[in-house]
Amino acid sequence: DGGFGRSVVYLTDHNEEGSVGFVLNKPLRVSVESVVAGLEGVDFPVYYGGPVGRDSLYYIHRRVDIPGAVMVGDGVFHGGDFDVVTRLAREGRLGEGDIRFFAGYSGWSAGQLEGELREDSWLVGEVSRDEVFGGTEGLWERIMRRLGARPAIWSMFPEDPRMN
């Protein structure tokens, strides 16, 4: 599965050129303060965003006051002026529930995601802004239950079937 097992991927862009998104529920064992100079004391987690560009840091947030950010969903923004992000975080005016940092992203070339959807490689559902920026514990399971009876059964299946 390329690291996508039990992943919730939030799509930030989907058009004829391809698709981009971020895995919401795979926190890494590293905080942003340890990977970005100038953010010492800002102990926000970094998440595995996907297999593409893992040597770069990306972020989505819900702040309208970050210049250059692009709205990608209902009150969800991608990118923007990182100097402003850094300043707001150091001043304590940007909380962990306002922003999510990712190492890498999930990307598909033109038509690739559509093909994977036709092959039933993915299930499509809605995720709220609060879920995007909230806790990740149980997120995949909650979304699977919302998708109906069959996916709900998968949500109760153990990751390691030998533990059943």
Protein backbone atom coordinates (compact mmCIF):
# COMPACT_ATOMS: atom_id res chain seq x y z
CA ASP A 1 0.00 0.00 0.00
CA GLY A 2 3.02 2.35 -0.10
CA GLY A 3 2.50 3.41 3.51
CA PHE A 4 -1.15 4.29 3.02
CA GLY A 5 -2.65 1.50 5.13
CA ARG A 6 -5.35 2.89 7.44
CA SER A 7 -4.56 6.40 6.24
CA VAL A 8 -6.87 9.38 6.04
CA VAL A 9 -5.66 11.54 3.15
CA TYR A 10 -6.96 15.09 2.93
CA LEU A 11 -6.93 16.26 -0.71
CA THR A 12 -5.84 19.86 -1.12
CA ASP A 13 -5.80 19.92 -4.92
CA HIS A 14 -7.46 17.75 -7.56
CA ASN A 15 -7.62 18.76 -11.20
CA GLU A 16 -6.77 17.54 -14.71
CA GLU A 17 -3.04 17.83 -13.95
CA GLY A 18 -3.15 15.55 -10.90
CA SER A 19 -3.90 15.46 -7.20
CA VAL A 20 -2.15 16.47 -3.98
CA GLY A 21 -3.03 15.66 -0.39
CA PHE A 22 -1.67 14.98 3.07
CA VAL A 23 -2.02 11.98 5.38
CA LEU A 24 -3.71 13.32 8.51
CA ASN A 25 -3.34 10.44 10.92
CA LYS A 26 0.32 9.38 10.86
CA PRO A 27 2.29 11.48 13.37
CA LEU A 28 6.06 11.11 13.25
CA ARG A 29 8.23 10.99 16.34
CA VAL A 30 9.56 14.48 15.72
CA SER A 31 8.35 17.99 16.46
CA VAL A 32 8.58 21.04 14.25
CA GLU A 33 11.02 22.70 16.64
CA SER A 34 13.58 19.99 15.91
CA VAL A 35 13.40 20.38 12.13
CA VAL A 36 12.96 24.12 11.58
CA ALA A 37 15.43 26.73 12.79
CA GLY A 38 13.67 29.59 14.52
CA LEU A 39 10.86 27.47 15.94
CA GLU A 40 12.61 26.36 19.10
CA GLY A 41 10.03 26.03 21.85
CA VAL A 42 7.23 25.30 19.37
CA ASP A 43 6.52 21.66 20.15
CA PHE A 44 3.98 20.90 17.40
CA PRO A 45 4.09 17.42 15.89
CA VAL A 46 5.15 16.72 12.31
CA TYR A 47 3.05 14.20 10.39
CA TYR A 48 3.95 11.86 7.56
CA GLY A 49 2.23 13.64 4.67
CA GLY A 50 3.04 11.03 2.05
CA PRO A 51 5.88 9.50 0.09
CA VAL A 52 6.62 12.50 -2.17
CA GLY A 53 9.03 15.26 -1.15
CA ARG A 54 9.70 13.81 2.29
CA ASP A 55 12.74 16.05 2.71
CA SER A 56 10.51 19.15 2.71
CA LEU A 57 8.07 20.53 5.26
CA TYR A 58 4.52 21.44 4.20
CA TYR A 59 1.65 22.83 6.22
CA ILE A 60 -2.07 23.39 6.20
CA HIS A 61 -3.83 25.69 8.63
CA ARG A 62 -7.07 27.45 9.44
CA ARG A 63 -5.73 30.99 9.78
CA VAL A 64 -7.02 33.69 7.43
CA ASP A 65 -4.25 36.05 8.57
CA ILE A 66 -1.36 34.22 6.87
CA PRO A 67 -0.62 36.03 3.59
CA GLY A 68 -0.18 33.96 0.46
CA ALA A 69 -2.13 30.97 1.76
CA VAL A 70 -4.48 29.22 -0.65
CA MET A 71 -7.91 28.09 0.54
CA VAL A 72 -8.23 24.36 -0.19
CA GLY A 73 -11.39 23.55 1.75
CA ASP A 74 -13.98 25.01 4.06
CA GLY A 75 -11.74 27.24 6.19
CA VAL A 76 -8.63 25.14 5.44
CA PHE A 77 -5.60 26.81 3.86
CA HIS A 78 -2.39 25.46 2.36
CA GLY A 79 0.95 27.23 2.66
CA GLY A 80 1.42 30.96 2.98
CA ASP A 81 4.17 33.22 4.28
CA PHE A 82 6.33 31.02 6.49
CA ASP A 83 7.88 34.05 8.21
CA VAL A 84 4.41 34.97 9.45
CA VAL A 85 3.78 31.36 10.57
CA THR A 86 7.08 31.39 12.46
CA ARG A 87 6.35 34.75 14.11
CA LEU A 88 2.81 33.75 15.15
CA ALA A 89 4.05 30.44 16.57
CA ARG A 90 6.92 32.01 18.52
CA GLU A 91 4.55 34.64 19.93
CA GLY A 92 2.14 31.92 21.04
CA ARG A 93 -0.61 33.21 18.73
CA LEU A 94 -0.67 30.07 16.60
CA GLY A 95 -1.85 26.98 18.41
CA GLU A 96 -1.34 23.33 17.57
CA GLY A 97 -5.04 23.15 16.68
CA ASP A 98 -4.54 25.90 14.06
CA ILE A 99 -1.87 24.26 11.93
CA ARG A 100 -0.56 20.88 10.89
CA PHE A 101 2.97 20.27 9.59
CA PHE A 102 3.87 17.43 7.23
CA ALA A 103 7.07 15.79 6.03
CA GLY A 104 6.23 15.01 2.41
CA TYR A 105 2.92 14.86 0.62
CA SER A 106 0.75 12.43 -1.30
CA GLY A 107 0.72 13.05 -5.03
CA TRP A 108 -0.88 11.51 -8.09
CA SER A 109 -0.20 12.33 -11.74
CA ALA A 110 -2.97 13.23 -14.20
CA GLY A 111 -5.65 10.53 -14.12
CA GLN A 112 -3.77 8.33 -11.64
CA LEU A 113 -6.09 8.88 -8.68
CA GLU A 114 -9.17 8.40 -10.86
CA GLY A 115 -7.74 5.04 -11.98
CA GLU A 116 -7.07 4.00 -8.40
CA LEU A 117 -10.64 4.95 -7.48
CA ARG A 118 -11.99 2.80 -10.34
CA GLU A 119 -9.92 -0.09 -8.95
CA ASP A 120 -11.48 0.48 -5.50
CA SER A 121 -8.07 1.28 -4.03
CA TRP A 122 -9.56 4.17 -2.07
CA LEU A 123 -12.77 5.03 -0.28
CA VAL A 124 -13.96 8.62 -0.51
CA GLY A 125 -15.55 10.42 2.39
CA GLU A 126 -15.88 13.78 4.04
CA VAL A 127 -13.66 15.11 6.79
CA SER A 128 -14.55 18.24 8.74
CA ARG A 129 -12.19 21.12 9.42
CA ASP A 130 -12.25 20.18 13.10
CA GLU A 131 -11.20 16.63 12.20
CA VAL A 132 -8.38 17.97 10.00
CA PHE A 133 -6.91 19.88 12.94
CA GLY A 134 -8.09 17.70 15.82
CA GLY A 135 -6.62 14.60 17.37
CA THR A 136 -5.71 11.68 15.17
CA GLU A 137 -6.50 8.86 17.58
CA GLY A 138 -9.33 6.82 16.06
CA LEU A 139 -9.79 9.18 13.08
CA TRP A 140 -9.60 6.42 10.45
CA GLU A 141 -12.03 4.24 12.38
CA ARG A 142 -14.56 7.08 12.82
CA ILE A 143 -14.49 7.93 9.14
CA MET A 144 -14.80 4.28 8.12
CA ARG A 145 -17.90 3.90 10.31
CA ARG A 146 -19.46 6.96 8.65
CA LEU A 147 -18.97 5.36 5.22
CA GLY A 148 -21.46 2.58 5.91
CA ALA A 149 -21.77 -0.99 7.13
CA ARG A 150 -19.04 -2.66 5.05
CA PRO A 151 -16.27 -0.11 5.79
CA ALA A 152 -17.42 -0.06 9.43
CA ILE A 153 -16.59 -3.76 9.65
CA TRP A 154 -13.05 -3.02 8.37
CA SER A 155 -12.66 -0.39 11.08
CA MET A 156 -13.08 -3.08 13.74
CA PHE A 157 -10.61 -5.51 12.17
CA PRO A 158 -7.23 -5.52 13.97
CA GLU A 159 -4.18 -4.21 12.13
CA ASP A 160 -2.49 -7.53 12.81
CA PRO A 161 -5.05 -10.30 12.10
CA ARG A 162 -3.04 -12.68 14.28
CA MET A 163 -4.21 -10.59 17.23
CA ASN A 164 -7.86 -11.32 16.46
